[in-house]
């Protein structure tokens, strides 16, 4: 059986998994906390009784969400606003929920966020903060030492058009290796696959590698003998690129600006807490992952994954047009104007109260600055 034939068969095998990942939402409801933070810029800000439904993934690349939920920092800042977190499998699925009004805010990869903003003509969502930089890599089997060794290979990504999928297609194109979102005569088959299924397929030798976020890249390395061929941080100036952003549905932002301000304050507090309590992070994250995914990560996997992500409120705005161009070139998105995709006003208020400078919006901020 040829590699290309195997890729086609795998595409059929995992199609059901990919579709399920795009539509299944696993709700994990905390409930109303009923207490505002004692101090801070958004204390008692969410004075109405509205609900904020927050999407996120049980991935280390969503570290501020995991910490903010587990410590209660997000709920504390929201006060009387009821927080309803919902765990998703991949970015496009969360975008669909945002578009349908099923959730109000989400931790998302930049590619799904950009694509949704453009497809809606700029009306669907706003990026209100960065969340995590780094934490993505192409991991491969033994015997693959460079791009040329990938010709004829079958690789996986979490979902067609997600941030890692676009990164892989962009990197391969830079090495004159042809891919296609729709298959056909290509140099490499890319099979969008649920991360857990990717680990299984790699372990059995059914795929040759995958471009994955943490902790999945670390799981393939430590549990399945994969090796890192490309650390995505090496592809960006200074290693700075967004893996996860915090976005809010525009309609919710306009209707409940105080609740969004409180959410951003809780998010910033979570990022700060991670920096201030590094020794407590692993146990806390594993507790959240066990609750959401059914099992904690092995200590070695979690330690490796955490070392490769950088919690941050900076959305690295200057990279967003680059990411958009990459997605368009990869055939997974359409071009369009990104002006106004950012609303960093609430974040600026939080930073200003702490004596910090505003975040650079690279001319894309059309919000309440």
Protein backbone atom coordinates (compact mmCIF):
# COMPACT_ATOMS: atom_id res chain seq x y z
CA UNK A 1 0.00 0.00 0.00
CA UNK A 2 1.38 3.44 -0.92
CA UNK A 3 1.66 6.26 1.60
CA UNK A 4 -0.82 8.25 -0.48
CA UNK A 5 -3.28 5.40 -0.53
CA UNK A 6 -2.92 5.01 3.21
CA UNK A 7 -3.59 8.71 3.68
CA UNK A 8 -6.79 8.48 1.66
CA UNK A 9 -7.99 5.54 3.74
CA UNK A 10 -7.12 7.36 6.96
CA UNK A 11 -9.07 10.35 5.72
CA UNK A 12 -12.17 8.19 5.52
CA UNK A 13 -11.39 6.57 8.87
CA UNK A 14 -11.11 9.81 10.80
CA UNK A 15 -13.74 11.81 8.94
CA UNK A 16 -16.34 10.88 11.51
CA UNK A 17 -14.01 11.91 14.30
CA UNK A 18 -13.30 15.27 12.68
CA UNK A 19 -16.99 15.98 12.13
CA UNK A 20 -17.81 15.02 15.69
CA UNK A 21 -15.06 17.31 16.97
CA UNK A 22 -16.61 20.15 15.02
CA UNK A 23 -20.06 19.84 16.56
CA UNK A 24 -19.77 18.26 20.00
CA UNK A 25 -19.73 20.62 22.95
CA UNK A 26 -18.99 19.23 26.40
CA UNK A 27 -20.47 21.60 28.98
CA UNK A 28 -18.71 21.92 32.32
CA UNK A 29 -20.78 24.33 34.38
CA UNK A 30 -19.31 26.01 37.43
CA UNK A 31 -22.37 27.99 38.45
CA UNK A 32 -22.70 31.41 40.02
CA UNK A 33 -20.02 32.40 42.45
CA UNK A 34 -21.89 35.44 43.70
CA UNK A 35 -18.81 37.26 44.96
CA UNK A 36 -16.85 40.06 43.30
CA UNK A 37 -13.12 40.45 43.72
CA UNK A 38 -12.16 42.60 46.68
CA UNK A 39 -10.18 44.94 44.50
CA UNK A 40 -8.93 45.38 40.93
CA UNK A 41 -10.20 47.36 37.94
CA UNK A 42 -13.23 45.18 37.32
CA UNK A 43 -14.33 44.59 40.91
CA UNK A 44 -18.13 44.57 41.07
CA UNK A 45 -18.19 45.59 37.39
CA UNK A 46 -20.52 42.84 36.26
CA UNK A 47 -23.41 44.06 38.33
CA UNK A 48 -26.17 42.61 36.19
CA UNK A 49 -27.30 39.00 36.42
CA UNK A 50 -26.33 37.97 32.90
CA UNK A 51 -24.49 34.75 32.12
CA UNK A 52 -21.13 34.54 30.39
CA UNK A 53 -20.62 31.24 28.54
CA UNK A 54 -16.91 30.67 28.02
CA UNK A 55 -15.39 28.16 25.60
CA UNK A 56 -11.92 26.67 26.00
CA UNK A 57 -9.95 23.47 25.32
CA UNK A 58 -8.46 20.98 27.77
CA UNK A 59 -5.02 21.74 26.31
CA UNK A 60 -1.91 23.21 27.91
CA UNK A 61 -2.04 25.91 25.23
CA UNK A 62 -5.17 27.15 27.03
CA UNK A 63 -3.28 27.44 30.29
CA UNK A 64 -4.82 30.75 31.53
CA UNK A 65 -8.30 29.28 31.06
CA UNK A 66 -7.41 26.14 33.02
CA UNK A 67 -5.83 28.18 35.81
CA UNK A 68 -8.53 30.84 35.83
CA UNK A 69 -11.26 28.24 36.14
CA UNK A 70 -9.53 26.03 38.68
CA UNK A 71 -8.47 28.89 40.99
CA UNK A 72 -11.78 30.73 40.61
CA UNK A 73 -10.05 33.91 39.43
CA UNK A 74 -12.32 34.26 36.39
CA UNK A 75 -15.49 33.70 38.38
CA UNK A 76 -14.30 36.01 41.18
CA UNK A 77 -13.86 38.95 38.82
CA UNK A 78 -17.21 38.28 37.11
CA UNK A 79 -18.98 38.54 40.44
CA UNK A 80 -22.76 38.38 39.94
CA UNK A 81 -22.37 37.32 36.32
CA UNK A 82 -22.73 33.56 36.16
CA UNK A 83 -19.77 31.81 34.49
CA UNK A 84 -20.57 28.76 32.38
CA UNK A 85 -17.40 27.18 30.93
CA UNK A 86 -17.67 24.71 28.07
CA UNK A 87 -14.83 22.48 26.85
CA UNK A 88 -14.34 22.08 23.08
CA UNK A 89 -12.23 19.77 20.94
CA UNK A 90 -10.96 22.29 18.36
CA UNK A 91 -11.08 25.94 17.30
CA UNK A 92 -13.53 25.75 14.37
CA UNK A 93 -16.04 24.01 16.66
CA UNK A 94 -15.82 26.83 19.18
CA UNK A 95 -16.18 29.40 16.39
CA UNK A 96 -19.36 27.68 15.24
CA UNK A 97 -20.71 27.94 18.78
CA UNK A 98 -19.80 31.64 18.92
CA UNK A 99 -21.46 32.30 15.57
CA UNK A 100 -24.60 30.50 16.69
CA UNK A 101 -24.73 32.44 19.95
CA UNK A 102 -24.22 29.24 21.97
CA UNK A 103 -21.25 30.78 23.81
CA UNK A 104 -20.24 34.37 24.46
CA UNK A 105 -16.44 34.22 24.66
CA UNK A 106 -13.74 31.69 23.96
CA UNK A 107 -10.07 30.90 24.10
CA UNK A 108 -9.25 30.27 20.42
CA UNK A 109 -6.35 29.76 18.07
CA UNK A 110 -5.73 32.79 15.84
CA UNK A 111 -6.62 31.11 12.54
CA UNK A 112 -10.23 30.24 13.45
CA UNK A 113 -10.67 33.67 15.04
CA UNK A 114 -9.36 35.48 11.96
CA UNK A 115 -11.41 33.36 9.58
CA UNK A 116 -14.62 33.99 11.52
CA UNK A 117 -13.99 37.73 11.65
CA UNK A 118 -13.38 37.93 7.90
CA UNK A 119 -16.28 35.69 6.90
CA UNK A 120 -18.68 37.80 8.97
CA UNK A 121 -17.46 41.04 7.47
CA UNK A 122 -15.97 42.02 10.79
CA UNK A 123 -19.13 41.57 12.85
CA UNK A 124 -18.70 38.21 14.59
CA UNK A 125 -16.07 38.64 17.29
CA UNK A 126 -13.34 40.76 18.81
CA UNK A 127 -9.98 39.70 20.19
CA UNK A 128 -9.76 41.22 23.66
CA UNK A 129 -6.42 39.75 24.79
CA UNK A 130 -3.71 37.26 24.03
CA UNK A 131 -3.55 34.10 26.12
CA UNK A 132 -0.61 31.86 25.19
CA UNK A 133 2.39 32.05 22.89
CA UNK A 134 4.40 29.06 21.72
CA UNK A 135 3.62 25.42 22.41
CA UNK A 136 3.27 23.93 18.91
CA UNK A 137 5.57 21.63 16.96
CA UNK A 138 5.88 19.16 14.10
CA UNK A 139 6.82 15.80 15.58
CA UNK A 140 7.77 12.85 13.36
CA UNK A 141 8.89 9.23 13.40
CA UNK A 142 12.49 8.06 13.26
CA UNK A 143 14.02 8.28 9.81
CA UNK A 144 12.61 11.70 9.01
CA UNK A 145 15.42 14.20 9.40
CA UNK A 146 14.41 17.02 7.07
CA UNK A 147 11.65 18.25 4.79
CA UNK A 148 12.75 16.07 1.87
CA UNK A 149 12.19 12.96 3.96
CA UNK A 150 8.51 13.88 4.26
CA UNK A 151 7.72 13.43 0.58
CA UNK A 152 4.99 10.79 0.37
CA UNK A 153 4.33 10.92 4.12
CA UNK A 154 0.99 11.13 5.92
CA UNK A 155 0.76 13.80 8.61
CA UNK A 156 -2.01 14.85 10.99
CA UNK A 157 -3.28 18.17 12.33
CA UNK A 158 -6.07 18.80 14.87
CA UNK A 159 -8.60 20.09 12.32
CA UNK A 160 -8.69 21.49 8.79
CA UNK A 161 -8.04 25.22 8.92
CA UNK A 162 -7.05 25.34 12.57
CA UNK A 163 -3.89 27.18 13.61
CA UNK A 164 -1.60 24.14 13.53
CA UNK A 165 -3.05 22.96 10.21
CA UNK A 166 -2.22 26.29 8.60
CA UNK A 167 1.26 26.29 10.18
CA UNK A 168 2.04 22.85 8.75
CA UNK A 169 0.79 23.67 5.25
CA UNK A 170 2.75 26.94 5.28
CA UNK A 171 5.98 25.26 6.37
CA UNK A 172 5.63 22.50 3.79
CA UNK A 173 4.95 25.02 1.02
CA UNK A 174 8.13 26.83 2.03
CA UNK A 175 9.98 23.60 1.31
CA UNK A 176 8.31 23.09 -2.09
CA UNK A 177 6.06 20.31 -0.84
CA UNK A 178 2.53 20.44 -2.21
CA UNK A 179 -0.58 19.88 -0.10
CA UNK A 180 -4.27 20.49 -0.67
CA UNK A 181 -7.24 20.92 1.67
CA UNK A 182 -9.28 18.77 -0.73
CA UNK A 183 -6.74 16.03 -1.46
CA UNK A 184 -5.71 15.08 -4.98
CA UNK A 185 -2.22 14.82 -6.45
CA UNK A 186 -0.08 16.08 -3.59
CA UNK A 187 3.36 15.42 -2.13
CA UNK A 188 2.06 14.88 1.41
CA UNK A 189 -1.31 13.79 2.77
CA UNK A 190 -2.57 15.86 5.69
CA UNK A 191 -5.31 14.15 7.67
CA UNK A 192 -7.22 16.39 10.13
CA UNK A 193 -7.58 14.16 13.18
CA UNK A 194 -8.64 14.42 16.79
CA UNK A 195 -5.51 14.75 18.95
CA UNK A 196 -6.14 11.59 20.96
CA UNK A 197 -6.68 9.64 17.74
CA UNK A 198 -3.46 11.11 16.35
CA UNK A 199 -1.53 9.62 19.26
CA UNK A 200 -3.08 6.22 18.56
CA UNK A 201 -2.37 6.40 14.83
CA UNK A 202 1.23 7.46 15.37
CA UNK A 203 1.80 4.69 17.91
CA UNK A 204 0.64 2.06 15.41
CA UNK A 205 2.71 3.55 12.58
CA UNK A 206 -0.34 4.57 10.55
CA UNK A 207 0.88 8.19 10.27
CA UNK A 208 4.38 9.61 10.03
CA UNK A 209 3.95 12.68 12.24
CA UNK A 210 1.76 15.59 13.22
CA UNK A 211 1.83 19.33 13.86
CA UNK A 212 0.28 19.60 17.32
CA UNK A 213 -0.27 21.93 20.27
CA UNK A 214 0.78 21.02 23.78
CA UNK A 215 0.43 18.68 25.56
CA UNK A 216 -0.03 16.49 22.49
CA UNK A 217 3.37 17.18 20.95
CA UNK A 218 4.96 16.18 24.26
CA UNK A 219 2.77 13.08 24.50
CA UNK A 220 3.91 11.85 21.09
CA UNK A 221 7.54 12.53 22.03
CA UNK A 222 7.49 10.90 25.46
CA UNK A 223 4.85 8.21 24.99
CA UNK A 224 5.28 7.23 21.36
CA UNK A 225 8.95 7.91 20.55
CA UNK A 226 8.41 10.85 18.19
CA UNK A 227 11.08 13.48 17.65
CA UNK A 228 10.68 17.21 17.06
CA UNK A 229 11.41 18.19 13.48
CA UNK A 230 10.11 21.77 13.75
CA UNK A 231 9.49 23.86 16.87
CA UNK A 232 7.18 26.59 15.58
CA UNK A 233 8.85 29.15 17.83
CA UNK A 234 11.93 28.88 15.61
CA UNK A 235 9.92 30.21 12.66
CA UNK A 236 8.97 33.57 14.21
CA UNK A 237 11.16 36.57 15.09
CA UNK A 238 12.09 36.27 18.72
CA UNK A 239 9.99 33.11 18.94
CA UNK A 240 6.90 35.29 19.54
CA UNK A 241 3.66 34.08 17.99
CA UNK A 242 0.12 33.55 19.32
CA UNK A 243 -1.16 30.05 19.88
CA UNK A 244 -4.27 31.10 21.81
CA UNK A 245 -6.29 34.32 21.98
CA UNK A 246 -9.21 35.40 24.15
CA UNK A 247 -12.14 36.46 21.94
CA UNK A 248 -15.64 37.72 22.67
CA UNK A 249 -18.77 37.62 20.53
CA UNK A 250 -19.32 41.20 19.33
CA UNK A 251 -23.01 41.22 20.23
CA UNK A 252 -22.20 40.17 23.80
CA UNK A 253 -19.43 42.76 24.07
CA UNK A 254 -21.81 45.52 23.03
CA UNK A 255 -24.57 44.33 25.37
CA UNK A 256 -22.40 43.58 28.42
CA UNK A 257 -19.19 45.66 28.31
CA UNK A 258 -18.78 45.48 32.10
CA UNK A 259 -18.92 41.69 32.06
CA UNK A 260 -16.29 41.61 29.31
CA UNK A 261 -14.11 44.01 31.31
CA UNK A 262 -14.43 41.65 34.27
CA UNK A 263 -13.56 38.64 32.12
CA UNK A 264 -10.43 40.38 30.84
CA UNK A 265 -9.45 41.34 34.38
CA UNK A 266 -9.87 37.74 35.52
CA UNK A 267 -7.86 36.52 32.55
CA UNK A 268 -5.03 38.97 33.29
CA UNK A 269 -5.09 37.88 36.93
CA UNK A 270 -4.78 34.25 35.82
CA UNK A 271 -1.76 35.04 33.66
CA UNK A 272 -0.15 36.86 36.58
CA UNK A 273 -0.96 34.00 38.95
CA UNK A 274 0.83 31.52 36.69
CA UNK A 275 3.98 33.64 36.77
CA UNK A 276 3.80 34.08 40.54
CA UNK A 277 3.07 30.44 41.42
CA UNK A 278 5.10 28.24 39.03
CA UNK A 279 5.46 25.45 41.59
CA UNK A 280 1.67 25.19 42.00
CA UNK A 281 0.77 25.24 38.31
CA UNK A 282 1.32 21.55 37.42
CA UNK A 283 -0.95 20.12 40.12
CA UNK A 284 -3.62 22.72 39.46
CA UNK A 285 -3.56 22.17 35.69
CA UNK A 286 -3.69 18.41 36.10
CA UNK A 287 -6.70 18.73 38.38
CA UNK A 288 -8.53 20.68 35.67
CA UNK A 289 -7.44 18.32 32.90
CA UNK A 290 -8.59 15.32 34.94
CA UNK A 291 -12.00 16.94 35.39
CA UNK A 292 -12.37 17.85 31.71
CA UNK A 293 -10.55 15.03 29.92
CA UNK A 294 -11.05 12.22 32.40
CA UNK A 295 -7.40 11.72 33.38
CA UNK A 296 -4.38 13.81 34.42
CA UNK A 297 -1.19 13.94 32.37
CA UNK A 298 1.94 12.06 33.42
CA UNK A 299 4.25 14.39 35.33
CA UNK A 300 7.00 14.26 32.68
CA UNK A 301 4.58 15.10 29.87
CA UNK A 302 3.07 18.00 31.77
CA UNK A 303 6.48 19.40 32.74
CA UNK A 304 7.70 19.26 29.14
CA UNK A 305 4.50 20.85 27.83
CA UNK A 306 4.47 23.68 30.37
CA UNK A 307 8.08 24.53 29.56
CA UNK A 308 7.08 25.20 25.96
CA UNK A 309 4.19 27.62 26.44
CA UNK A 310 4.23 31.28 27.48
CA UNK A 311 1.12 32.70 29.15
CA UNK A 312 0.65 36.30 28.02
CA UNK A 313 -2.03 38.93 27.52
CA UNK A 314 -0.26 40.14 24.37
CA UNK A 315 -2.08 38.99 21.20
CA UNK A 316 1.05 39.65 19.10
CA UNK A 317 -1.13 41.77 16.85
CA UNK A 318 1.51 42.25 14.15
CA UNK A 319 1.46 38.50 13.45
CA UNK A 320 -2.26 38.35 12.68
CA UNK A 321 -2.03 39.63 9.08
CA UNK A 322 0.85 37.18 8.50
CA UNK A 323 -1.25 34.31 9.83
CA UNK A 324 -4.12 35.39 7.59
CA UNK A 325 -1.90 35.46 4.50
CA UNK A 326 -0.62 31.99 5.38
CA UNK A 327 -4.15 30.62 5.67
CA UNK A 328 -5.17 32.16 2.34
CA UNK A 329 -2.10 30.71 0.63
CA UNK A 330 -2.85 27.31 2.20
CA UNK A 331 -6.37 27.38 0.76
CA UNK A 332 -8.12 27.20 4.13
CA UNK A 333 -9.37 30.80 4.40
CA UNK A 334 -10.35 33.88 2.42
CA UNK A 335 -8.60 37.22 2.50
CA UNK A 336 -10.18 40.30 4.03
CA UNK A 337 -9.68 43.42 6.11
CA UNK A 338 -8.60 42.77 9.72
CA UNK A 339 -9.11 46.36 10.86
CA UNK A 340 -11.10 46.31 14.09
CA UNK A 341 -10.50 42.66 14.95
CA UNK A 342 -8.96 43.82 18.24
CA UNK A 343 -10.71 45.59 21.10
CA UNK A 344 -7.96 46.10 23.65
CA UNK A 345 -9.70 48.83 25.63
CA UNK A 346 -10.59 46.57 28.59
CA UNK A 347 -7.07 45.17 28.65
CA UNK A 348 -5.56 48.64 28.52
CA UNK A 349 -7.68 49.58 31.53
CA UNK A 350 -6.39 46.60 33.50
CA UNK A 351 -2.79 47.36 32.56
CA UNK A 352 -3.20 51.06 33.24
CA UNK A 353 -4.45 50.34 36.76
CA UNK A 354 -1.31 48.28 37.30
CA UNK A 355 0.95 51.03 35.96
CA UNK A 356 1.71 49.17 32.72
CA UNK A 357 1.79 50.46 29.16
CA UNK A 358 -0.93 49.59 26.63
CA UNK A 359 -0.41 46.60 24.36
CA UNK A 360 0.53 47.38 20.76
CA UNK A 361 -2.49 46.76 18.53
CA UNK A 362 -0.50 47.13 15.26
CA UNK A 363 -3.25 49.32 13.83
CA UNK A 364 -5.91 46.60 14.16
CA UNK A 365 -7.64 47.94 17.28
CA UNK A 366 -11.04 49.40 16.52
CA UNK A 367 -12.37 49.16 20.05
CA UNK A 368 -12.73 51.30 23.13
CA UNK A 369 -9.21 52.68 23.52
